[in-house]
Amino acid sequence: MIWLCSQRPLLLVGGFLVGLAFGAEADIIAYLVGRYFGLRSLGVAVGFAFGAFVLAGGAGPLLMDLAFDRSGSYGVPLAAAFLLTSLAAALLTRLGPYRFGANGDF
C-alpha cells in the first residue's frame, strides 16, 4: 500500500479530488437546504447547517488528536472517520425527492 504514495500521477489525482471536494461541500449545503426547506427559511436553515459544518471542521482535528493520543496511531480515528463519512453518504441517499423545485414553487 505504501507504493501508492510514491506514484506521482496518483498523488496528483488524489490532490485534485480532495481540492474539488473541499470546494464543493459549502456549496452543496446551500443547494440542498434550498431544495428541501425553500426560500422562506433558507437563511435560518443555511445558518444552522453551515454553523454545524464549521463546528465539525474545527472539532475534527481536535478529536483526531485526542484519539491519536489515546491509541498511539491514526488507524483507529481514520477508520472511525471513514465509517462516519460512509454513514453520512448513505443517509444522503435517503433524503427523497426535493420539496421545492427549480420552477419557482418556493
PDB file of N, CA and C in Angstrom:
ATOM      1  N   MET A   1       0.808  -1.189   0.000  1.00  0.00           N
ATOM      2  CA  MET A   1       0.000   0.000   0.000  1.00  0.00           C
ATOM      3  C   MET A   1       0.861   1.267   0.000  1.00  0.00           C
ATOM      4  N   ILE A   2       2.048   1.175   0.576  1.00  0.00           N
ATOM      5  CA  ILE A   2       2.937   2.325   0.637  1.00  0.00           C
ATOM      6  C   ILE A   2       3.346   2.771  -0.763  1.00  0.00           C
ATOM      7  N   TRP A   3       3.441   1.859  -1.696  1.00  0.00           N
ATOM      8  CA  TRP A   3       3.873   2.223  -3.053  1.00  0.00           C
ATOM      9  C   TRP A   3       2.913   3.206  -3.707  1.00  0.00           C
ATOM     10  N   LEU A   4       1.641   3.229  -3.271  1.00  0.00           N
ATOM     11  CA  LEU A   4       0.692   4.193  -3.831  1.00  0.00           C
ATOM     12  C   LEU A   4       1.127   5.626  -3.555  1.00  0.00           C
ATOM     13  N   CYS A   5       1.751   5.842  -2.406  1.00  0.00           N
ATOM     14  CA  CYS A   5       2.167   7.195  -2.036  1.00  0.00           C
ATOM     15  C   CYS A   5       3.335   7.697  -2.870  1.00  0.00           C
ATOM     16  N   SER A   6       4.068   6.788  -3.504  1.00  0.00           N
ATOM     17  CA  SER A   6       5.219   7.213  -4.281  1.00  0.00           C
ATOM     18  C   SER A   6       4.895   7.388  -5.764  1.00  0.00           C
ATOM     19  N   GLN A   7       3.677   7.154  -6.158  1.00  0.00           N
ATOM     20  CA  GLN A   7       3.274   7.278  -7.549  1.00  0.00           C
ATOM     21  C   GLN A   7       2.778   8.697  -7.807  1.00  0.00           C
ATOM     22  N   ARG A   8       3.561   9.477  -8.532  1.00  0.00           N
ATOM     23  CA  ARG A   8       3.245  10.893  -8.760  1.00  0.00           C
ATOM     24  C   ARG A   8       1.880  11.108  -9.410  1.00  0.00           C
ATOM     25  N   PRO A   9       1.504  10.364 -10.454  1.00  0.00           N
ATOM     26  CA  PRO A   9       0.174  10.598 -11.046  1.00  0.00           C
ATOM     27  C   PRO A   9      -0.966  10.357 -10.054  1.00  0.00           C
ATOM     28  N   LEU A  10      -0.825   9.341  -9.216  1.00  0.00           N
ATOM     29  CA  LEU A  10      -1.866   9.078  -8.219  1.00  0.00           C
ATOM     30  C   LEU A  10      -1.936  10.199  -7.188  1.00  0.00           C
ATOM     31  N   LEU A  11      -0.792  10.736  -6.812  1.00  0.00           N
ATOM     32  CA  LEU A  11      -0.791  11.857  -5.873  1.00  0.00           C
ATOM     33  C   LEU A  11      -1.475  13.077  -6.478  1.00  0.00           C
ATOM     34  N   LEU A  12      -1.229  13.345  -7.746  1.00  0.00           N
ATOM     35  CA  LEU A  12      -1.860  14.491  -8.400  1.00  0.00           C
ATOM     36  C   LEU A  12      -3.365  14.308  -8.503  1.00  0.00           C
ATOM     37  N   VAL A  13      -3.803  13.119  -8.876  1.00  0.00           N
ATOM     38  CA  VAL A  13      -5.241  12.847  -8.972  1.00  0.00           C
ATOM     39  C   VAL A  13      -5.884  12.944  -7.589  1.00  0.00           C
ATOM     40  N   GLY A  14      -5.236  12.370  -6.587  1.00  0.00           N
ATOM     41  CA  GLY A  14      -5.764  12.444  -5.227  1.00  0.00           C
ATOM     42  C   GLY A  14      -5.851  13.865  -4.717  1.00  0.00           C
ATOM     43  N   GLY A  15      -4.804  14.660  -4.974  1.00  0.00           N
ATOM     44  CA  GLY A  15      -4.828  16.064  -4.566  1.00  0.00           C
ATOM     45  C   GLY A  15      -5.929  16.846  -5.262  1.00  0.00           C
ATOM     46  N   PHE A  16      -6.127  16.568  -6.546  1.00  0.00           N
ATOM     47  CA  PHE A  16      -7.189  17.239  -7.289  1.00  0.00           C
ATOM     48  C   PHE A  16      -8.567  16.882  -6.725  1.00  0.00           C
ATOM     49  N   LEU A  17      -8.796  15.600  -6.438  1.00  0.00           N
ATOM     50  CA  LEU A  17     -10.099  15.185  -5.910  1.00  0.00           C
ATOM     51  C   LEU A  17     -10.358  15.748  -4.514  1.00  0.00           C
ATOM     52  N   VAL A  18      -9.345  15.811  -3.679  1.00  0.00           N
ATOM     53  CA  VAL A  18      -9.513  16.403  -2.349  1.00  0.00           C
ATOM     54  C   VAL A  18      -9.824  17.887  -2.470  1.00  0.00           C
ATOM     55  N   GLY A  19      -9.119  18.588  -3.340  1.00  0.00           N
ATOM     56  CA  GLY A  19      -9.396  20.013  -3.549  1.00  0.00           C
ATOM     57  C   GLY A  19     -10.785  20.250  -4.094  1.00  0.00           C
ATOM     58  N   LEU A  20     -11.228  19.397  -4.995  1.00  0.00           N
ATOM     59  CA  LEU A  20     -12.576  19.505  -5.546  1.00  0.00           C
ATOM     60  C   LEU A  20     -13.625  19.297  -4.452  1.00  0.00           C
ATOM     61  N   ALA A  21     -13.403  18.330  -3.605  1.00  0.00           N
ATOM     62  CA  ALA A  21     -14.351  18.060  -2.519  1.00  0.00           C
ATOM     63  C   ALA A  21     -14.381  19.207  -1.514  1.00  0.00           C
ATOM     64  N   PHE A  22     -13.225  19.770  -1.181  1.00  0.00           N
ATOM     65  CA  PHE A  22     -13.200  20.880  -0.234  1.00  0.00           C
ATOM     66  C   PHE A  22     -13.945  22.098  -0.773  1.00  0.00           C
ATOM     67  N   GLY A  23     -13.895  22.307  -2.053  1.00  0.00           N
ATOM     68  CA  GLY A  23     -14.575  23.454  -2.631  1.00  0.00           C
ATOM     69  C   GLY A  23     -16.066  23.247  -2.791  1.00  0.00           C
ATOM     70  N   ALA A  24     -16.524  22.013  -2.836  1.00  0.00           N
ATOM     71  CA  ALA A  24     -17.924  21.732  -3.134  1.00  0.00           C
ATOM     72  C   ALA A  24     -18.806  21.603  -1.900  1.00  0.00           C
ATOM     73  N   GLU A  25     -18.229  21.312  -0.758  1.00  0.00           N
ATOM     74  CA  GLU A  25     -19.074  20.984   0.385  1.00  0.00           C
ATOM     75  C   GLU A  25     -19.923  22.163   0.870  1.00  0.00           C
ATOM     76  N   ALA A  26     -19.379  23.347   0.886  1.00  0.00           N
ATOM     77  CA  ALA A  26     -20.165  24.504   1.324  1.00  0.00           C
ATOM     78  C   ALA A  26     -21.251  24.844   0.306  1.00  0.00           C
ATOM     79  N   ASP A  27     -20.966  24.670  -0.965  1.00  0.00           N
ATOM     80  CA  ASP A  27     -21.967  24.939  -1.998  1.00  0.00           C
ATOM     81  C   ASP A  27     -23.121  23.946  -1.936  1.00  0.00           C
ATOM     82  N   ILE A  28     -22.811  22.703  -1.663  1.00  0.00           N
ATOM     83  CA  ILE A  28     -23.862  21.682  -1.638  1.00  0.00           C
ATOM     84  C   ILE A  28     -24.789  21.885  -0.447  1.00  0.00           C
ATOM     85  N   ILE A  29     -24.270  22.475   0.642  1.00  0.00           N
ATOM     86  CA  ILE A  29     -25.122  22.764   1.803  1.00  0.00           C
ATOM     87  C   ILE A  29     -26.235  23.726   1.393  1.00  0.00           C
ATOM     88  N   ALA A  30     -25.871  24.841   0.778  1.00  0.00           N
ATOM     89  CA  ALA A  30     -26.864  25.839   0.392  1.00  0.00           C
ATOM     90  C   ALA A  30     -27.837  25.271  -0.652  1.00  0.00           C
ATOM     91  N   TYR A  31     -27.333  24.490  -1.582  1.00  0.00           N
ATOM     92  CA  TYR A  31     -28.200  23.919  -2.617  1.00  0.00           C
ATOM     93  C   TYR A  31     -29.236  22.967  -2.016  1.00  0.00           C
ATOM     94  N   LEU A  32     -28.775  22.025  -1.201  1.00  0.00           N
ATOM     95  CA  LEU A  32     -29.709  21.048  -0.628  1.00  0.00           C
ATOM     96  C   LEU A  32     -30.687  21.696   0.346  1.00  0.00           C
ATOM     97  N   VAL A  33     -30.205  22.633   1.147  1.00  0.00           N
ATOM     98  CA  VAL A  33     -31.100  23.313   2.089  1.00  0.00           C
ATOM     99  C   VAL A  33     -32.167  24.097   1.327  1.00  0.00           C
ATOM    100  N   GLY A  34     -31.785  24.752   0.256  1.00  0.00           N
ATOM    101  CA  GLY A  34     -32.765  25.481  -0.550  1.00  0.00           C
ATOM    102  C   GLY A  34     -33.811  24.572  -1.169  1.00  0.00           C
ATOM    103  N   ARG A  35     -33.396  23.398  -1.594  1.00  0.00           N
ATOM    104  CA  ARG A  35     -34.335  22.456  -2.221  1.00  0.00           C
ATOM    105  C   ARG A  35     -35.258  21.789  -1.214  1.00  0.00           C
ATOM    106  N   TYR A  36     -34.790  21.580   0.001  1.00  0.00           N
ATOM    107  CA  TYR A  36     -35.617  20.886   0.989  1.00  0.00           C
ATOM    108  C   TYR A  36     -36.373  21.810   1.928  1.00  0.00           C
ATOM    109  N   PHE A  37     -35.923  23.062   2.119  1.00  0.00           N
ATOM    110  CA  PHE A  37     -36.585  23.971   3.043  1.00  0.00           C
ATOM    111  C   PHE A  37     -37.205  25.180   2.372  1.00  0.00           C
ATOM    112  N   GLY A  38     -36.878  25.439   1.124  1.00  0.00           N
ATOM    113  CA  GLY A  38     -37.448  26.581   0.416  1.00  0.00           C
ATOM    114  C   GLY A  38     -36.750  27.888   0.752  1.00  0.00           C
ATOM    115  N   LEU A  39     -37.182  28.954   0.065  1.00  0.00           N
ATOM    116  CA  LEU A  39     -36.515  30.247   0.236  1.00  0.00           C
ATOM    117  C   LEU A  39     -36.937  30.995   1.488  1.00  0.00           C
ATOM    118  N   ARG A  40     -38.132  30.730   1.994  1.00  0.00           N
ATOM    119  CA  ARG A  40     -38.594  31.463   3.185  1.00  0.00           C
ATOM    120  C   ARG A  40     -37.719  31.215   4.394  1.00  0.00           C
ATOM    121  N   SER A  41     -37.256  29.987   4.543  1.00  0.00           N
ATOM    122  CA  SER A  41     -36.423  29.669   5.704  1.00  0.00           C
ATOM    123  C   SER A  41     -34.983  29.367   5.315  1.00  0.00           C
ATOM    124  N   LEU A  42     -34.587  29.805   4.128  1.00  0.00           N
ATOM    125  CA  LEU A  42     -33.247  29.481   3.643  1.00  0.00           C
ATOM    126  C   LEU A  42     -32.159  30.057   4.534  1.00  0.00           C
ATOM    127  N   GLY A  43     -32.282  31.316   4.933  1.00  0.00           N
ATOM    128  CA  GLY A  43     -31.239  31.938   5.742  1.00  0.00           C
ATOM    129  C   GLY A  43     -31.040  31.246   7.080  1.00  0.00           C
ATOM    130  N   VAL A  44     -32.127  30.932   7.757  1.00  0.00           N
ATOM    131  CA  VAL A  44     -32.033  30.274   9.063  1.00  0.00           C
ATOM    132  C   VAL A  44     -31.489  28.857   8.899  1.00  0.00           C
ATOM    133  N   ALA A  45     -32.007  28.124   7.933  1.00  0.00           N
ATOM    134  CA  ALA A  45     -31.578  26.737   7.741  1.00  0.00           C
ATOM    135  C   ALA A  45     -30.115  26.653   7.313  1.00  0.00           C
ATOM    136  N   VAL A  46     -29.691  27.528   6.401  1.00  0.00           N
ATOM    137  CA  VAL A  46     -28.289  27.525   5.978  1.00  0.00           C
ATOM    138  C   VAL A  46     -27.400  27.962   7.138  1.00  0.00           C
ATOM    139  N   GLY A  47     -27.883  28.902   7.948  1.00  0.00           N
ATOM    140  CA  GLY A  47     -27.114  29.322   9.116  1.00  0.00           C
ATOM    141  C   GLY A  47     -26.844  28.176  10.072  1.00  0.00           C
ATOM    142  N   PHE A  48     -27.866  27.399  10.368  1.00  0.00           N
ATOM    143  CA  PHE A  48     -27.680  26.243  11.256  1.00  0.00           C
ATOM    144  C   PHE A  48     -26.802  25.178  10.601  1.00  0.00           C
ATOM    145  N   ALA A  49     -27.058  24.885   9.332  1.00  0.00           N
ATOM    146  CA  ALA A  49     -26.285  23.849   8.647  1.00  0.00           C
ATOM    147  C   ALA A  49     -24.824  24.249   8.497  1.00  0.00           C
ATOM    148  N   PHE A  50     -24.574  25.492   8.103  1.00  0.00           N
ATOM    149  CA  PHE A  50     -23.195  25.931   7.933  1.00  0.00           C
ATOM    150  C   PHE A  50     -22.504  26.071   9.285  1.00  0.00           C
ATOM    151  N   GLY A  51     -23.252  26.475  10.303  1.00  0.00           N
ATOM    152  CA  GLY A  51     -22.678  26.530  11.649  1.00  0.00           C
ATOM    153  C   GLY A  51     -22.228  25.156  12.124  1.00  0.00           C
ATOM    154  N   ALA A  52     -23.059  24.138  11.888  1.00  0.00           N
ATOM    155  CA  ALA A  52     -22.677  22.770  12.247  1.00  0.00           C
ATOM    156  C   ALA A  52     -21.468  22.313  11.438  1.00  0.00           C
ATOM    157  N   PHE A  53     -21.422  22.701  10.163  1.00  0.00           N
ATOM    158  CA  PHE A  53     -20.291  22.359   9.292  1.00  0.00           C
ATOM    159  C   PHE A  53     -18.993  22.973   9.822  1.00  0.00           C
ATOM    160  N   VAL A  54     -19.041  24.231  10.226  1.00  0.00           N
ATOM    161  CA  VAL A  54     -17.845  24.913  10.727  1.00  0.00           C
ATOM    162  C   VAL A  54     -17.415  24.335  12.074  1.00  0.00           C
ATOM    163  N   LEU A  55     -18.373  24.069  12.950  1.00  0.00           N
ATOM    164  CA  LEU A  55     -18.024  23.476  14.246  1.00  0.00           C
ATOM    165  C   LEU A  55     -17.413  22.088  14.079  1.00  0.00           C
ATOM    166  N   ALA A  56     -17.971  21.295  13.180  1.00  0.00           N
ATOM    167  CA  ALA A  56     -17.411  19.965  12.934  1.00  0.00           C
ATOM    168  C   ALA A  56     -16.019  20.060  12.326  1.00  0.00           C
ATOM    169  N   GLY A  57     -15.816  21.047  11.444  1.00  0.00           N
ATOM    170  CA  GLY A  57     -14.491  21.243  10.866  1.00  0.00           C
ATOM    171  C   GLY A  57     -13.461  21.665  11.893  1.00  0.00           C
ATOM    172  N   GLY A  58     -13.894  22.397  12.898  1.00  0.00           N
ATOM    173  CA  GLY A  58     -12.988  22.790  13.971  1.00  0.00           C
ATOM    174  C   GLY A  58     -12.762  21.689  14.986  1.00  0.00           C
ATOM    175  N   ALA A  59     -13.787  20.891  15.249  1.00  0.00           N
ATOM    176  CA  ALA A  59     -13.669  19.822  16.238  1.00  0.00           C
ATOM    177  C   ALA A  59     -12.949  18.604  15.677  1.00  0.00           C
ATOM    178  N   GLY A  60     -12.966  18.421  14.362  1.00  0.00           N
ATOM    179  CA  GLY A  60     -12.359  17.243  13.752  1.00  0.00           C
ATOM    180  C   GLY A  60     -10.886  17.068  14.075  1.00  0.00           C
ATOM    181  N   PRO A  61     -10.060  18.093  13.850  1.00  0.00           N
ATOM    182  CA  PRO A  61      -8.643  17.928  14.189  1.00  0.00           C
ATOM    183  C   PRO A  61      -8.408  17.685  15.679  1.00  0.00           C
ATOM    184  N   LEU A  62      -9.191  18.329  16.526  1.00  0.00           N
ATOM    185  CA  LEU A  62      -9.044  18.118  17.963  1.00  0.00           C
ATOM    186  C   LEU A  62      -9.383  16.674  18.334  1.00  0.00           C
ATOM    187  N   LEU A  63     -10.486  16.168  17.805  1.00  0.00           N
ATOM    188  CA  LEU A  63     -10.866  14.785  18.103  1.00  0.00           C
ATOM    189  C   LEU A  63      -9.871  13.789  17.525  1.00  0.00           C
ATOM    190  N   MET A  64      -9.338  14.092  16.341  1.00  0.00           N
ATOM    191  CA  MET A  64      -8.327  13.223  15.739  1.00  0.00           C
ATOM    192  C   MET A  64      -7.078  13.183  16.616  1.00  0.00           C
ATOM    193  N   ASP A  65      -6.687  14.332  17.147  1.00  0.00           N
ATOM    194  CA  ASP A  65      -5.515  14.405  18.021  1.00  0.00           C
ATOM    195  C   ASP A  65      -5.748  13.645  19.325  1.00  0.00           C
ATOM    196  N   LEU A  66      -6.920  13.823  19.908  1.00  0.00           N
ATOM    197  CA  LEU A  66      -7.228  13.105  21.146  1.00  0.00           C
ATOM    198  C   LEU A  66      -7.247  11.598  20.928  1.00  0.00           C
ATOM    199  N   ALA A  67      -7.814  11.159  19.807  1.00  0.00           N
ATOM    200  CA  ALA A  67      -7.843   9.728  19.502  1.00  0.00           C
ATOM    201  C   ALA A  67      -6.437   9.194  19.261  1.00  0.00           C
ATOM    202  N   PHE A  68      -5.578   9.985  18.616  1.00  0.00           N
ATOM    203  CA  PHE A  68      -4.191   9.564  18.420  1.00  0.00           C
ATOM    204  C   PHE A  68      -3.473   9.440  19.764  1.00  0.00           C
ATOM    205  N   ASP A  69      -3.707  10.400  20.655  1.00  0.00           N
ATOM    206  CA  ASP A  69      -3.058  10.350  21.971  1.00  0.00           C
ATOM    207  C   ASP A  69      -3.475   9.109  22.750  1.00  0.00           C
ATOM    208  N   ARG A  70      -4.709   8.686  22.609  1.00  0.00           N
ATOM    209  CA  ARG A  70      -5.187   7.508  23.336  1.00  0.00           C
ATOM    210  C   ARG A  70      -4.736   6.201  22.698  1.00  0.00           C
ATOM    211  N   SER A  71      -4.770   6.152  21.357  1.00  0.00           N
ATOM    212  CA  SER A  71      -4.474   4.884  20.693  1.00  0.00           C
ATOM    213  C   SER A  71      -3.029   4.776  20.218  1.00  0.00           C
ATOM    214  N   GLY A  72      -2.320   5.894  20.063  1.00  0.00           N
ATOM    215  CA  GLY A  72      -0.953   5.855  19.586  1.00  0.00           C
ATOM    216  C   GLY A  72      -0.833   5.673  18.087  1.00  0.00           C
ATOM    217  N   SER A  73      -1.942   5.740  17.391  1.00  0.00           N
ATOM    218  CA  SER A  73      -1.941   5.538  15.945  1.00  0.00           C
ATOM    219  C   SER A  73      -3.101   6.333  15.343  1.00  0.00           C
ATOM    220  N   TYR A  74      -2.956   6.657  14.071  1.00  0.00           N
ATOM    221  CA  TYR A  74      -4.054   7.311  13.367  1.00  0.00           C
ATOM    222  C   TYR A  74      -5.004   6.301  12.732  1.00  0.00           C
ATOM    223  N   GLY A  75      -4.699   5.026  12.835  1.00  0.00           N
ATOM    224  CA  GLY A  75      -5.527   3.990  12.211  1.00  0.00           C
ATOM    225  C   GLY A  75      -6.954   3.975  12.746  1.00  0.00           C
ATOM    226  N   VAL A  76      -7.100   3.999  14.057  1.00  0.00           N
ATOM    227  CA  VAL A  76      -8.432   3.943  14.666  1.00  0.00           C
ATOM    228  C   VAL A  76      -9.248   5.200  14.354  1.00  0.00           C
ATOM    229  N   PRO A  77      -8.708   6.413  14.561  1.00  0.00           N
ATOM    230  CA  PRO A  77      -9.514   7.591  14.249  1.00  0.00           C
ATOM    231  C   PRO A  77      -9.824   7.729  12.758  1.00  0.00           C
ATOM    232  N   LEU A  78      -8.910   7.328  11.889  1.00  0.00           N
ATOM    233  CA  LEU A  78      -9.192   7.397  10.455  1.00  0.00           C
ATOM    234  C   LEU A  78     -10.255   6.382  10.047  1.00  0.00           C
ATOM    235  N   ALA A  79     -10.229   5.197  10.658  1.00  0.00           N
ATOM    236  CA  ALA A  79     -11.261   4.200  10.384  1.00  0.00           C
ATOM    237  C   ALA A  79     -12.622   4.714  10.856  1.00  0.00           C
ATOM    238  N   ALA A  80     -12.653   5.359  12.023  1.00  0.00           N
ATOM    239  CA  ALA A  80     -13.909   5.926  12.522  1.00  0.00           C
ATOM    240  C   ALA A  80     -14.399   7.040  11.602  1.00  0.00           C
ATOM    241  N   ALA A  81     -13.488   7.885  11.127  1.00  0.00           N
ATOM    242  CA  ALA A  81     -13.871   8.955  10.209  1.00  0.00           C
ATOM    243  C   ALA A  81     -14.407   8.371   8.906  1.00  0.00           C
ATOM    244  N   PHE A  82     -13.787   7.316   8.410  1.00  0.00           N
ATOM    245  CA  PHE A  82     -14.268   6.654   7.197  1.00  0.00           C
ATOM    246  C   PHE A  82     -15.671   6.099   7.398  1.00  0.00           C
ATOM    247  N   LEU A  83     -15.896   5.435   8.525  1.00  0.00           N
ATOM    248  CA  LEU A  83     -17.224   4.868   8.786  1.00  0.00           C
ATOM    249  C   LEU A  83     -18.286   5.956   8.931  1.00  0.00           C
ATOM    250  N   LEU A  84     -17.967   7.035   9.631  1.00  0.00           N
ATOM    251  CA  LEU A  84     -18.932   8.119   9.791  1.00  0.00           C
ATOM    252  C   LEU A  84     -19.215   8.830   8.469  1.00  0.00           C
ATOM    253  N   THR A  85     -18.189   8.990   7.645  1.00  0.00           N
ATOM    254  CA  THR A  85     -18.391   9.603   6.330  1.00  0.00           C
ATOM    255  C   THR A  85     -19.234   8.701   5.440  1.00  0.00           C
ATOM    256  N   SER A  86     -19.002   7.402   5.508  1.00  0.00           N
ATOM    257  CA  SER A  86     -19.812   6.459   4.739  1.00  0.00           C
ATOM    258  C   SER A  86     -21.262   6.484   5.207  1.00  0.00           C
ATOM    259  N   LEU A  87     -21.469   6.580   6.519  1.00  0.00           N
ATOM    260  CA  LEU A  87     -22.825   6.672   7.055  1.00  0.00           C
ATOM    261  C   LEU A  87     -23.519   7.943   6.570  1.00  0.00           C
ATOM    262  N   ALA A  88     -22.797   9.060   6.584  1.00  0.00           N
ATOM    263  CA  ALA A  88     -23.365  10.325   6.105  1.00  0.00           C
ATOM    264  C   ALA A  88     -23.739  10.232   4.629  1.00  0.00           C
ATOM    265  N   ALA A  89     -22.890   9.610   3.821  1.00  0.00           N
ATOM    266  CA  ALA A  89     -23.182   9.444   2.399  1.00  0.00           C
ATOM    267  C   ALA A  89     -24.397   8.551   2.199  1.00  0.00           C
ATOM    268  N   ALA A  90     -24.510   7.496   2.999  1.00  0.00           N
ATOM    269  CA  ALA A  90     -25.673   6.610   2.901  1.00  0.00           C
ATOM    270  C   ALA A  90     -26.945   7.346   3.309  1.00  0.00           C
ATOM    271  N   LEU A  91     -26.869   8.184   4.332  1.00  0.00           N
ATOM    272  CA  LEU A  91     -28.049   8.943   4.754  1.00  0.00           C
ATOM    273  C   LEU A  91     -28.481   9.953   3.690  1.00  0.00           C
ATOM    274  N   LEU A  92     -27.529  10.501   2.952  1.00  0.00           N
ATOM    275  CA  LEU A  92     -27.877  11.431   1.872  1.00  0.00           C
ATOM    276  C   LEU A  92     -28.714  10.754   0.790  1.00  0.00           C
ATOM    277  N   THR A  93     -28.497   9.464   0.594  1.00  0.00           N
ATOM    278  CA  THR A  93     -29.294   8.757  -0.416  1.00  0.00           C
ATOM    279  C   THR A  93     -30.734   8.561   0.032  1.00  0.00           C
ATOM    280  N   ARG A  94     -31.023   8.755   1.304  1.00  0.00           N
ATOM    281  CA  ARG A  94     -32.360   8.547   1.857  1.00  0.00           C
ATOM    282  C   ARG A  94     -33.180   9.836   1.946  1.00  0.00           C
ATOM    283  N   LEU A  95     -32.689  10.937   1.410  1.00  0.00           N
ATOM    284  CA  LEU A  95     -33.375  12.221   1.535  1.00  0.00           C
ATOM    285  C   LEU A  95     -34.706  12.266   0.778  1.00  0.00           C
ATOM    286  N   GLY A  96     -34.807  11.564  -0.292  1.00  0.00           N
ATOM    287  CA  GLY A  96     -36.049  11.579  -1.058  1.00  0.00           C
ATOM    288  C   GLY A  96     -36.092  12.728  -2.040  1.00  0.00           C
ATOM    289  N   PRO A  97     -37.223  12.900  -2.701  1.00  0.00           N
ATOM    290  CA  PRO A  97     -37.332  13.958  -3.713  1.00  0.00           C
ATOM    291  C   PRO A  97     -37.332  15.345  -3.059  1.00  0.00           C
ATOM    292  N   TYR A  98     -36.930  16.329  -3.849  1.00  0.00           N
ATOM    293  CA  TYR A  98     -36.917  17.709  -3.358  1.00  0.00           C
ATOM    294  C   TYR A  98     -38.327  18.164  -3.036  1.00  0.00           C
ATOM    295  N   ARG A  99     -38.469  18.920  -1.960  1.00  0.00           N
ATOM    296  CA  ARG A  99     -39.768  19.507  -1.619  1.00  0.00           C
ATOM    297  C   ARG A  99     -40.061  20.726  -2.469  1.00  0.00           C
ATOM    298  N   PHE A 100     -39.016  21.476  -2.798  1.00  0.00           N
ATOM    299  CA  PHE A 100     -39.162  22.704  -3.574  1.00  0.00           C
ATOM    300  C   PHE A 100     -38.330  22.569  -4.835  1.00  0.00           C
ATOM    301  N   GLY A 101     -38.974  22.753  -5.981  1.00  0.00           N
ATOM    302  CA  GLY A 101     -38.284  22.570  -7.245  1.00  0.00           C
ATOM    303  C   GLY A 101     -37.655  23.850  -7.757  1.00  0.00           C
ATOM    304  N   ALA A 102     -37.068  23.752  -8.918  1.00  0.00           N
ATOM    305  CA  ALA A 102     -36.393  24.883  -9.534  1.00  0.00           C
ATOM    306  C   ALA A 102     -37.341  25.745 -10.356  1.00  0.00           C
ATOM    307  N   ASN A 103     -38.601  25.390 -10.431  1.00  0.00           N
ATOM    308  CA  ASN A 103     -39.545  26.133 -11.284  1.00  0.00           C
ATOM    309  C   ASN A 103     -40.257  27.244 -10.540  1.00  0.00           C
ATOM    310  N   GLY A 104     -39.762  27.637  -9.386  1.00  0.00           N
ATOM    311  CA  GLY A 104     -40.307  28.791  -8.686  1.00  0.00           C
ATOM    312  C   GLY A 104     -41.359  28.478  -7.646  1.00  0.00           C
ATOM    313  N   ASP A 105     -41.620  27.231  -7.354  1.00  0.00           N
ATOM    314  CA  ASP A 105     -42.622  26.902  -6.329  1.00  0.00           C
ATOM    315  C   ASP A 105     -41.974  26.828  -4.955  1.00  0.00           C
ATOM    316  N   PHE A 106     -41.317  27.923  -4.598  1.00  0.00           N
ATOM    317  CA  PHE A 106     -40.662  28.003  -3.298  1.00  0.00           C
ATOM    318  C   PHE A 106     -41.642  28.493  -2.282  1.00  0.00           C
TER     319      PHE A 106
END
